[in-house]
Every structure is written in structure tokens, then in C-alpha cells.
PDB file of N, CA and C in Angstrom:
ATOM      1  N   MET A   1     -54.243  88.960  19.028  1.00  0.00           N
ATOM      2  CA  MET A   1     -54.517  89.986  20.022  1.00  0.00           C
ATOM      3  C   MET A   1     -55.875  89.741  20.680  1.00  0.00           C
ATOM      4  N   ALA A   2     -56.882  89.369  19.880  1.00  0.00           N
ATOM      5  CA  ALA A   2     -58.210  89.150  20.451  1.00  0.00           C
ATOM      6  C   ALA A   2     -58.188  87.969  21.412  1.00  0.00           C
ATOM      7  N   TYR A   3     -57.488  86.896  21.055  1.00  0.00           N
ATOM      8  CA  TYR A   3     -57.394  85.732  21.925  1.00  0.00           C
ATOM      9  C   TYR A   3     -56.717  86.105  23.239  1.00  0.00           C
ATOM     10  N   GLU A   4     -55.655  86.888  23.137  1.00  0.00           N
ATOM     11  CA  GLU A   4     -54.926  87.271  24.341  1.00  0.00           C
ATOM     12  C   GLU A   4     -55.725  88.222  25.212  1.00  0.00           C
ATOM     13  N   LYS A   5     -56.644  89.004  24.642  1.00  0.00           N
ATOM     14  CA  LYS A   5     -57.486  89.876  25.466  1.00  0.00           C
ATOM     15  C   LYS A   5     -58.421  89.044  26.339  1.00  0.00           C
ATOM     16  N   ILE A   6     -58.769  87.849  25.880  1.00  0.00           N
ATOM     17  CA  ILE A   6     -59.665  86.990  26.656  1.00  0.00           C
ATOM     18  C   ILE A   6     -58.880  86.144  27.645  1.00  0.00           C
ATOM     19  N   THR A   7     -57.797  85.545  27.186  1.00  0.00           N
ATOM     20  CA  THR A   7     -57.070  84.587  28.020  1.00  0.00           C
ATOM     21  C   THR A   7     -55.867  85.170  28.734  1.00  0.00           C
ATOM     22  N   GLY A   8     -55.420  86.336  28.311  1.00  0.00           N
ATOM     23  CA  GLY A   8     -54.208  86.909  28.867  1.00  0.00           C
ATOM     24  C   GLY A   8     -53.040  86.623  27.942  1.00  0.00           C
ATOM     25  N   PRO A   9     -51.887  87.177  28.244  1.00  0.00           N
ATOM     26  CA  PRO A   9     -50.746  87.001  27.346  1.00  0.00           C
ATOM     27  C   PRO A   9     -50.299  85.544  27.280  1.00  0.00           C
ATOM     28  N   LEU A  10     -49.867  85.143  26.099  1.00  0.00           N
ATOM     29  CA  LEU A  10     -49.441  83.762  25.913  1.00  0.00           C
ATOM     30  C   LEU A  10     -48.123  83.475  26.623  1.00  0.00           C
ATOM     31  N   ASP A  11     -47.270  84.459  26.723  1.00  0.00           N
ATOM     32  CA  ASP A  11     -45.972  84.285  27.363  1.00  0.00           C
ATOM     33  C   ASP A  11     -45.782  85.414  28.366  1.00  0.00           C
ATOM     34  N   ILE A  12     -45.573  85.077  29.611  1.00  0.00           N
ATOM     35  CA  ILE A  12     -45.471  86.081  30.669  1.00  0.00           C
ATOM     36  C   ILE A  12     -44.292  87.022  30.431  1.00  0.00           C
ATOM     37  N   ARG A  13     -43.279  86.556  29.696  1.00  0.00           N
ATOM     38  CA  ARG A  13     -42.136  87.424  29.407  1.00  0.00           C
ATOM     39  C   ARG A  13     -42.499  88.528  28.426  1.00  0.00           C
ATOM     40  N   LEU A  14     -43.628  88.409  27.765  1.00  0.00           N
ATOM     41  CA  LEU A  14     -44.044  89.399  26.776  1.00  0.00           C
ATOM     42  C   LEU A  14     -44.921  90.484  27.383  1.00  0.00           C
ATOM     43  N   ARG A  15     -44.967  90.585  28.699  1.00  0.00           N
ATOM     44  CA  ARG A  15     -45.800  91.593  29.352  1.00  0.00           C
ATOM     45  C   ARG A  15     -45.111  92.941  29.357  1.00  0.00           C
ATOM     46  N   GLY A  16     -44.759  93.428  28.212  1.00  0.00           N
ATOM     47  CA  GLY A  16     -44.157  94.739  28.089  1.00  0.00           C
ATOM     48  C   GLY A  16     -45.175  95.847  28.236  1.00  0.00           C
ATOM     49  N   ASP A  17     -46.462  95.479  28.277  1.00  0.00           N
ATOM     50  CA  ASP A  17     -47.498  96.503  28.370  1.00  0.00           C
ATOM     51  C   ASP A  17     -47.444  97.251  29.696  1.00  0.00           C
ATOM     52  N   ILE A  18     -46.995  96.598  30.742  1.00  0.00           N
ATOM     53  CA  ILE A  18     -46.898  97.270  32.043  1.00  0.00           C
ATOM     54  C   ILE A  18     -45.795  98.326  31.996  1.00  0.00           C
ATOM     55  N   GLN A  19     -44.648  97.932  31.470  1.00  0.00           N
ATOM     56  CA  GLN A  19     -43.550  98.891  31.368  1.00  0.00           C
ATOM     57  C   GLN A  19     -43.918 100.025  30.411  1.00  0.00           C
ATOM     58  N   ALA A  20     -44.562  99.700  29.307  1.00  0.00           N
ATOM     59  CA  ALA A  20     -44.967 100.734  28.349  1.00  0.00           C
ATOM     60  C   ALA A  20     -46.005 101.663  28.970  1.00  0.00           C
ATOM     61  N   GLY A  21     -46.889 101.137  29.811  1.00  0.00           N
ATOM     62  CA  GLY A  21     -47.875 101.973  30.486  1.00  0.00           C
ATOM     63  C   GLY A  21     -47.234 102.959  31.433  1.00  0.00           C
ATOM     64  N   ILE A  22     -46.192 102.508  32.131  1.00  0.00           N
ATOM     65  CA  ILE A  22     -45.472 103.391  33.045  1.00  0.00           C
ATOM     66  C   ILE A  22     -44.799 104.519  32.268  1.00  0.00           C
ATOM     67  N   VAL A  23     -44.152 104.165  31.164  1.00  0.00           N
ATOM     68  CA  VAL A  23     -43.481 105.179  30.345  1.00  0.00           C
ATOM     69  C   VAL A  23     -44.506 106.137  29.738  1.00  0.00           C
ATOM     70  N   ALA A  24     -45.604 105.610  29.220  1.00  0.00           N
ATOM     71  CA  ALA A  24     -46.628 106.455  28.602  1.00  0.00           C
ATOM     72  C   ALA A  24     -47.228 107.424  29.616  1.00  0.00           C
ATOM     73  N   ALA A  25     -47.490 106.951  30.833  1.00  0.00           N
ATOM     74  CA  ALA A  25     -48.040 107.829  31.862  1.00  0.00           C
ATOM     75  C   ALA A  25     -47.040 108.905  32.245  1.00  0.00           C
ATOM     76  N   THR A  26     -45.778 108.544  32.331  1.00  0.00           N
ATOM     77  CA  THR A  26     -44.745 109.519  32.669  1.00  0.00           C
ATOM     78  C   THR A  26     -44.640 110.597  31.593  1.00  0.00           C
ATOM     79  N   VAL A  27     -44.648 110.175  30.340  1.00  0.00           N
ATOM     80  CA  VAL A  27     -44.557 111.136  29.238  1.00  0.00           C
ATOM     81  C   VAL A  27     -45.791 112.037  29.218  1.00  0.00           C
ATOM     82  N   ALA A  28     -46.972 111.457  29.364  1.00  0.00           N
ATOM     83  CA  ALA A  28     -48.200 112.255  29.335  1.00  0.00           C
ATOM     84  C   ALA A  28     -48.211 113.270  30.472  1.00  0.00           C
ATOM     85  N   ASN A  29     -47.805 112.858  31.660  1.00  0.00           N
ATOM     86  CA  ASN A  29     -47.791 113.778  32.801  1.00  0.00           C
ATOM     87  C   ASN A  29     -46.726 114.861  32.639  1.00  0.00           C
ATOM     88  N   SER A  30     -45.596 114.512  32.031  1.00  0.00           N
ATOM     89  CA  SER A  30     -44.532 115.509  31.863  1.00  0.00           C
ATOM     90  C   SER A  30     -44.877 116.530  30.785  1.00  0.00           C
ATOM     91  N   GLN A  31     -45.794 116.174  29.883  1.00  0.00           N
ATOM     92  CA  GLN A  31     -46.174 117.085  28.808  1.00  0.00           C
ATOM     93  C   GLN A  31     -47.396 117.919  29.165  1.00  0.00           C
ATOM     94  N   GLY A  32     -47.801 117.881  30.415  1.00  0.00           N
ATOM     95  CA  GLY A  32     -48.904 118.720  30.872  1.00  0.00           C
ATOM     96  C   GLY A  32     -50.270 118.186  30.497  1.00  0.00           C
ATOM     97  N   ALA A  33     -50.508 116.917  30.771  1.00  0.00           N
ATOM     98  CA  ALA A  33     -51.826 116.329  30.500  1.00  0.00           C
ATOM     99  C   ALA A  33     -52.887 117.075  31.305  1.00  0.00           C
ATOM    100  N   LYS A  34     -54.109 117.143  30.751  1.00  0.00           N
ATOM    101  CA  LYS A  34     -55.189 117.866  31.425  1.00  0.00           C
ATOM    102  C   LYS A  34     -55.515 117.261  32.777  1.00  0.00           C
ATOM    103  N   LYS A  35     -55.478 115.945  32.861  1.00  0.00           N
ATOM    104  CA  LYS A  35     -55.664 115.280  34.149  1.00  0.00           C
ATOM    105  C   LYS A  35     -54.474 114.363  34.376  1.00  0.00           C
ATOM    106  N   LYS A  36     -54.144 114.153  35.615  1.00  0.00           N
ATOM    107  CA  LYS A  36     -53.000 113.295  35.930  1.00  0.00           C
ATOM    108  C   LYS A  36     -53.323 111.862  35.506  1.00  0.00           C
ATOM    109  N   THR A  37     -52.454 111.267  34.730  1.00  0.00           N
ATOM    110  CA  THR A  37     -52.681 109.909  34.250  1.00  0.00           C
ATOM    111  C   THR A  37     -51.913 108.910  35.097  1.00  0.00           C
ATOM    112  N   LYS A  38     -52.395 107.678  35.077  1.00  0.00           N
ATOM    113  CA  LYS A  38     -51.750 106.579  35.775  1.00  0.00           C
ATOM    114  C   LYS A  38     -51.333 105.544  34.735  1.00  0.00           C
ATOM    115  N   ALA A  39     -50.436 104.677  35.100  1.00  0.00           N
ATOM    116  CA  ALA A  39     -49.999 103.619  34.180  1.00  0.00           C
ATOM    117  C   ALA A  39     -51.179 102.748  33.774  1.00  0.00           C
ATOM    118  N   SER A  40     -52.124 102.522  34.673  1.00  0.00           N
ATOM    119  CA  SER A  40     -53.276 101.666  34.360  1.00  0.00           C
ATOM    120  C   SER A  40     -54.177 102.268  33.291  1.00  0.00           C
ATOM    121  N   ASP A  41     -54.064 103.582  33.046  1.00  0.00           N
ATOM    122  CA  ASP A  41     -54.839 104.209  31.972  1.00  0.00           C
ATOM    123  C   ASP A  41     -54.365 103.741  30.599  1.00  0.00           C
ATOM    124  N   PHE A  42     -53.140 103.231  30.514  1.00  0.00           N
ATOM    125  CA  PHE A  42     -52.556 102.834  29.240  1.00  0.00           C
ATOM    126  C   PHE A  42     -52.393 101.324  29.097  1.00  0.00           C
ATOM    127  N   ILE A  43     -52.783 100.566  30.098  1.00  0.00           N
ATOM    128  CA  ILE A  43     -52.615  99.117  30.073  1.00  0.00           C
ATOM    129  C   ILE A  43     -53.953  98.465  29.718  1.00  0.00           C
ATOM    130  N   PRO A  44     -53.971  97.557  28.721  1.00  0.00           N
ATOM    131  CA  PRO A  44     -55.228  96.896  28.363  1.00  0.00           C
ATOM    132  C   PRO A  44     -55.710  95.975  29.484  1.00  0.00           C
ATOM    133  N   VAL A  45     -57.006  95.781  29.529  1.00  0.00           N
ATOM    134  CA  VAL A  45     -57.597  94.882  30.526  1.00  0.00           C
ATOM    135  C   VAL A  45     -57.522  93.462  29.963  1.00  0.00           C
ATOM    136  N   TRP A  46     -56.808  92.592  30.678  1.00  0.00           N
ATOM    137  CA  TRP A  46     -56.635  91.225  30.183  1.00  0.00           C
ATOM    138  C   TRP A  46     -57.703  90.285  30.717  1.00  0.00           C
ATOM    139  N   PHE A  47     -57.994  90.377  31.990  1.00  0.00           N
ATOM    140  CA  PHE A  47     -58.901  89.413  32.584  1.00  0.00           C
ATOM    141  C   PHE A  47     -60.190  90.104  33.000  1.00  0.00           C
ATOM    142  N   LYS A  48     -61.284  89.509  32.615  1.00  0.00           N
ATOM    143  CA  LYS A  48     -62.593  90.011  33.001  1.00  0.00           C
ATOM    144  C   LYS A  48     -63.300  88.915  33.782  1.00  0.00           C
ATOM    145  N   ARG A  49     -64.304  89.323  34.534  1.00  0.00           N
ATOM    146  CA  ARG A  49     -65.070  88.352  35.303  1.00  0.00           C
ATOM    147  C   ARG A  49     -65.777  87.399  34.339  1.00  0.00           C
ATOM    148  N   ARG A  50     -65.716  86.126  34.649  1.00  0.00           N
ATOM    149  CA  ARG A  50     -66.414  85.142  33.818  1.00  0.00           C
ATOM    150  C   ARG A  50     -67.908  85.255  34.041  1.00  0.00           C
ATOM    151  N   LYS A  51     -68.662  85.081  32.975  1.00  0.00           N
ATOM    152  CA  LYS A  51     -70.113  85.149  33.065  1.00  0.00           C
ATOM    153  C   LYS A  51     -70.655  83.826  33.585  1.00  0.00           C
ATOM    154  N   SER A  52     -71.748  83.929  34.311  1.00  0.00           N
ATOM    155  CA  SER A  52     -72.415  82.722  34.796  1.00  0.00           C
ATOM    156  C   SER A  52     -73.189  82.102  33.635  1.00  0.00           C
ATOM    157  N   PRO A  53     -73.557  80.833  33.747  1.00  0.00           N
ATOM    158  CA  PRO A  53     -74.344  80.206  32.681  1.00  0.00           C
ATOM    159  C   PRO A  53     -75.656  80.948  32.415  1.00  0.00           C
ATOM    160  N   GLU A  54     -76.266  81.505  33.453  1.00  0.00           N
ATOM    161  CA  GLU A  54     -77.509  82.249  33.264  1.00  0.00           C
ATOM    162  C   GLU A  54     -77.267  83.520  32.446  1.00  0.00           C
ATOM    163  N   GLU A  55     -76.141  84.208  32.705  1.00  0.00           N
ATOM    164  CA  GLU A  55     -75.816  85.416  31.947  1.00  0.00           C
ATOM    165  C   GLU A  55     -75.510  85.083  30.484  1.00  0.00           C
ATOM    166  N   ILE A  56     -74.828  83.969  30.264  1.00  0.00           N
ATOM    167  CA  ILE A  56     -74.529  83.545  28.897  1.00  0.00           C
ATOM    168  C   ILE A  56     -75.823  83.224  28.163  1.00  0.00           C
ATOM    169  N   TRP A  57     -76.731  82.495  28.819  1.00  0.00           N
ATOM    170  CA  TRP A  57     -78.007  82.144  28.194  1.00  0.00           C
ATOM    171  C   TRP A  57     -78.811  83.402  27.867  1.00  0.00           C
ATOM    172  N   ARG A  58     -78.804  84.376  28.763  1.00  0.00           N
ATOM    173  CA  ARG A  58     -79.529  85.622  28.523  1.00  0.00           C
ATOM    174  C   ARG A  58     -78.942  86.352  27.315  1.00  0.00           C
ATOM    175  N   ASP A  59     -77.618  86.357  27.182  1.00  0.00           N
ATOM    176  CA  ASP A  59     -76.974  86.992  26.032  1.00  0.00           C
ATOM    177  C   ASP A  59     -77.308  86.260  24.730  1.00  0.00           C
ATOM    178  N   VAL A  60     -77.330  84.935  24.787  1.00  0.00           N
ATOM    179  CA  VAL A  60     -77.673  84.145  23.604  1.00  0.00           C
ATOM    180  C   VAL A  60     -79.104  84.419  23.180  1.00  0.00           C
ATOM    181  N   MET A  61     -80.012  84.460  24.137  1.00  0.00           N
ATOM    182  CA  MET A  61     -81.412  84.720  23.806  1.00  0.00           C
ATOM    183  C   MET A  61     -81.603  86.137  23.263  1.00  0.00           C
ATOM    184  N   ALA A  62     -80.857  87.100  23.790  1.00  0.00           N
ATOM    185  CA  ALA A  62     -80.947  88.475  23.285  1.00  0.00           C
ATOM    186  C   ALA A  62     -80.439  88.545  21.849  1.00  0.00           C
ATOM    187  N   ALA A  63     -79.338  87.871  21.558  1.00  0.00           N
ATOM    188  CA  ALA A  63     -78.810  87.853  20.198  1.00  0.00           C
ATOM    189  C   ALA A  63     -79.776  87.142  19.261  1.00  0.00           C
ATOM    190  N   ASN A  64     -80.363  86.061  19.730  1.00  0.00           N
ATOM    191  CA  ASN A  64     -81.322  85.302  18.930  1.00  0.00           C
ATOM    192  C   ASN A  64     -82.518  86.173  18.554  1.00  0.00           C
ATOM    193  N   SER A  65     -83.070  86.868  19.514  1.00  0.00           N
ATOM    194  CA  SER A  65     -84.233  87.700  19.216  1.00  0.00           C
ATOM    195  C   SER A  65     -83.856  88.921  18.377  1.00  0.00           C
ATOM    196  N   ALA A  66     -82.655  89.465  18.577  1.00  0.00           N
ATOM    197  CA  ALA A  66     -82.218  90.610  17.780  1.00  0.00           C
ATOM    198  C   ALA A  66     -82.059  90.237  16.308  1.00  0.00           C
ATOM    199  N   LEU A  67     -81.723  88.979  16.050  1.00  0.00           N
ATOM    200  CA  LEU A  67     -81.544  88.517  14.678  1.00  0.00           C
ATOM    201  C   LEU A  67     -82.819  87.897  14.109  1.00  0.00           C
ATOM    202  N   GLY A  68     -83.921  88.014  14.854  1.00  0.00           N
ATOM    203  CA  GLY A  68     -85.203  87.506  14.365  1.00  0.00           C
ATOM    204  C   GLY A  68     -85.388  86.018  14.519  1.00  0.00           C
ATOM    205  N   GLY A  69     -84.631  85.408  15.406  1.00  0.00           N
ATOM    206  CA  GLY A  69     -84.740  83.967  15.619  1.00  0.00           C
ATOM    207  C   GLY A  69     -85.893  83.611  16.525  1.00  0.00           C
ATOM    208  N   SER A  70     -86.154  82.343  16.637  1.00  0.00           N
ATOM    209  CA  SER A  70     -87.206  81.866  17.537  1.00  0.00           C
ATOM    210  C   SER A  70     -86.688  80.642  18.271  1.00  0.00           C
ATOM    211  N   VAL A  71     -87.369  80.310  19.352  1.00  0.00           N
ATOM    212  CA  VAL A  71     -86.985  79.175  20.164  1.00  0.00           C
ATOM    213  C   VAL A  71     -88.069  78.121  20.018  1.00  0.00           C
ATOM    214  N   SER A  72     -87.657  76.918  19.667  1.00  0.00           N
ATOM    215  CA  SER A  72     -88.586  75.810  19.498  1.00  0.00           C
ATOM    216  C   SER A  72     -88.241  74.738  20.534  1.00  0.00           C
ATOM    217  N   THR A  73     -89.194  74.406  21.377  1.00  0.00           N
ATOM    218  CA  THR A  73     -88.953  73.366  22.376  1.00  0.00           C
ATOM    219  C   THR A  73     -89.905  72.203  22.155  1.00  0.00           C
ATOM    220  N   THR A  74     -89.429  71.021  22.439  1.00  0.00           N
ATOM    221  CA  THR A  74     -90.271  69.820  22.357  1.00  0.00           C
ATOM    222  C   THR A  74     -90.288  69.178  23.724  1.00  0.00           C
ATOM    223  N   GLU A  75     -91.410  69.203  24.336  1.00  0.00           N
ATOM    224  CA  GLU A  75     -91.528  68.620  25.672  1.00  0.00           C
ATOM    225  C   GLU A  75     -92.522  67.505  25.677  1.00  0.00           C
TER     226      GLU A  75
END
């Protein structure tokens, strides 16, 4: 499941989440949900924007400092 959240479904025929989202939204709306729901409220997000190399480096450095690491450079 975690791999598929990053890369998307392994088999396009297994995209039952769209149909299940439609059914779930219909049931929720028919049962008097507090706010009107949409199918997208029940469908997981498969694709996210890819991070740039600078954003990845910033995340790595933040994790490094949070764990008490240090950066050693030889120039």
C-alpha cells in the first residue's frame, strides 16, 4: 500500500477506489452528512508533486540536524 501511494496503483484494473469513492459519497450524502461530500473526499491521493533536488537536500539536512548529526566537508 505504501509503495502504491507513491507510484500509483500497480494494475490499472485495480482502481476500484474511484468506484468505491462514488458509492461512499452517495451513502454519506443519503444518510444526512453534515456537509455535502464528494467522491474525491474518499479517494486516496496517489500522485504528488515531485520534490526538486534542493527541496530533497533541505529535508535531508533538517532530518540530519534533528537527529543530532553534523556535516563534514573536505575541500
